[in-house]
Amino acid sequence: MLKSTDAGLTWSEIMVESNDTLFSVFFVNAETGYSSGTKGRLFKTTSGGVLGLNQTSTEIPNAYSLEQN
């Protein structure tokens, strides 16, 4: 995974502790972000990716819903 702090002029690599394919990345602010991977895995960072993404779940939910804020 790559990270930019200057609108895409330069990029740096972020450590992801998994070999899973990541499908989506969403940041709620400059520090807290989430990513989803294969097999229902979820990843979270609270350091803007400085310390990498940590796996937060390995369970595949039976049902889920998405709502727009």
C-alpha atoms as a PDB file:
ATOM      1  CA  MET A   1       0.000   0.000   0.000  1.00  0.00           C
ATOM      2  CA  LEU A   2       1.233   3.506  -0.746  1.00  0.00           C
ATOM      3  CA  LYS A   3       0.693   6.809   1.064  1.00  0.00           C
ATOM      4  CA  SER A   4       0.997  10.416  -0.094  1.00  0.00           C
ATOM      5  CA  THR A   5       1.054  13.497   2.143  1.00  0.00           C
ATOM      6  CA  ASP A   6       1.518  16.034  -0.659  1.00  0.00           C
ATOM      7  CA  ALA A   7      -1.479  15.458  -2.945  1.00  0.00           C
ATOM      8  CA  GLY A   8       0.256  12.657  -4.844  1.00  0.00           C
ATOM      9  CA  LEU A   9       3.560  14.315  -5.736  1.00  0.00           C
ATOM     10  CA  THR A  10       5.540  11.705  -3.760  1.00  0.00           C
ATOM     11  CA  TRP A  11       4.598   8.332  -2.311  1.00  0.00           C
ATOM     12  CA  SER A  12       5.882   6.116   0.521  1.00  0.00           C
ATOM     13  CA  GLU A  13       5.133   2.468   1.255  1.00  0.00           C
ATOM     14  CA  ILE A  14       2.944   1.508   4.223  1.00  0.00           C
ATOM     15  CA  MET A  15       3.516  -1.813   6.007  1.00  0.00           C
ATOM     16  CA  VAL A  16       0.532  -4.181   5.856  1.00  0.00           C
ATOM     17  CA  GLU A  17       0.831  -7.266   8.052  1.00  0.00           C
ATOM     18  CA  SER A  18      -0.899  -9.591   5.602  1.00  0.00           C
ATOM     19  CA  ASN A  19      -0.532 -11.171   2.190  1.00  0.00           C
ATOM     20  CA  ASP A  20      -4.228 -10.531   1.468  1.00  0.00           C
ATOM     21  CA  THR A  21      -5.406  -8.515  -1.474  1.00  0.00           C
ATOM     22  CA  LEU A  22      -6.784  -5.193  -0.230  1.00  0.00           C
ATOM     23  CA  PHE A  23      -9.986  -4.036  -1.925  1.00  0.00           C
ATOM     24  CA  SER A  24     -10.883  -0.717  -0.381  1.00  0.00           C
ATOM     25  CA  VAL A  25      -9.292   2.013   1.734  1.00  0.00           C
ATOM     26  CA  PHE A  26     -11.191   4.715   3.622  1.00  0.00           C
ATOM     27  CA  PHE A  27      -9.869   7.382   5.981  1.00  0.00           C
ATOM     28  CA  VAL A  28     -12.240   9.162   8.378  1.00  0.00           C
ATOM     29  CA  ASN A  29      -9.547  11.775   9.099  1.00  0.00           C
ATOM     30  CA  ALA A  30      -5.796  12.238   8.582  1.00  0.00           C
ATOM     31  CA  GLU A  31      -4.942   9.565  11.174  1.00  0.00           C
ATOM     32  CA  THR A  32      -7.688   6.912  11.250  1.00  0.00           C
ATOM     33  CA  GLY A  33      -8.217   4.696   8.240  1.00  0.00           C
ATOM     34  CA  TYR A  34      -9.676   1.298   7.381  1.00  0.00           C
ATOM     35  CA  SER A  35      -9.105  -1.225   4.628  1.00  0.00           C
ATOM     36  CA  SER A  36     -10.871  -4.450   3.668  1.00  0.00           C
ATOM     37  CA  GLY A  37      -9.134  -7.541   2.379  1.00  0.00           C
ATOM     38  CA  THR A  38      -9.817 -11.066   1.213  1.00  0.00           C
ATOM     39  CA  LYS A  39     -11.636 -13.528   3.478  1.00  0.00           C
ATOM     40  CA  GLY A  40     -13.453 -10.712   5.294  1.00  0.00           C
ATOM     41  CA  ARG A  41     -10.331  -9.294   6.902  1.00  0.00           C
ATOM     42  CA  LEU A  42     -10.450  -5.706   8.122  1.00  0.00           C
ATOM     43  CA  PHE A  43      -7.435  -3.506   8.812  1.00  0.00           C
ATOM     44  CA  LYS A  44      -7.147  -0.251  10.754  1.00  0.00           C
ATOM     45  CA  THR A  45      -4.528   2.438  11.282  1.00  0.00           C
ATOM     46  CA  THR A  46      -4.653   5.228  13.865  1.00  0.00           C
ATOM     47  CA  SER A  47      -1.368   6.815  12.828  1.00  0.00           C
ATOM     48  CA  GLY A  48      -2.167   7.825   9.266  1.00  0.00           C
ATOM     49  CA  GLY A  49      -0.391   4.683   8.105  1.00  0.00           C
ATOM     50  CA  VAL A  50       2.916   5.686   9.734  1.00  0.00           C
ATOM     51  CA  LEU A  51       2.885   2.510  11.829  1.00  0.00           C
ATOM     52  CA  GLY A  52       1.161   0.466   9.134  1.00  0.00           C
ATOM     53  CA  LEU A  53      -2.211  -1.254   9.090  1.00  0.00           C
ATOM     54  CA  ASN A  54      -3.133  -3.772  11.774  1.00  0.00           C
ATOM     55  CA  GLN A  55      -5.613  -6.585  11.236  1.00  0.00           C
ATOM     56  CA  THR A  56      -8.768  -6.039  13.292  1.00  0.00           C
ATOM     57  CA  SER A  57     -10.929  -8.970  12.176  1.00  0.00           C
ATOM     58  CA  THR A  58     -10.671 -12.408  10.589  1.00  0.00           C
ATOM     59  CA  GLU A  59     -14.361 -13.341  10.727  1.00  0.00           C
ATOM     60  CA  ILE A  60     -16.641 -13.270   7.710  1.00  0.00           C
ATOM     61  CA  PRO A  61     -19.995 -11.769   8.791  1.00  0.00           C
ATOM     62  CA  ASN A  62     -23.241 -13.584   8.033  1.00  0.00           C
ATOM     63  CA  ALA A  63     -24.918 -10.293   7.211  1.00  0.00           C
ATOM     64  CA  TYR A  64     -23.945  -6.647   7.096  1.00  0.00           C
ATOM     65  CA  SER A  65     -25.320  -3.297   6.035  1.00  0.00           C
ATOM     66  CA  LEU A  66     -23.787  -0.091   4.747  1.00  0.00           C
ATOM     67  CA  GLU A  67     -25.294   3.294   5.457  1.00  0.00           C
ATOM     68  CA  GLN A  68     -24.363   6.691   4.136  1.00  0.00           C
ATOM     69  CA  ASN A  69     -23.616   9.295   6.816  1.00  0.00           C
END
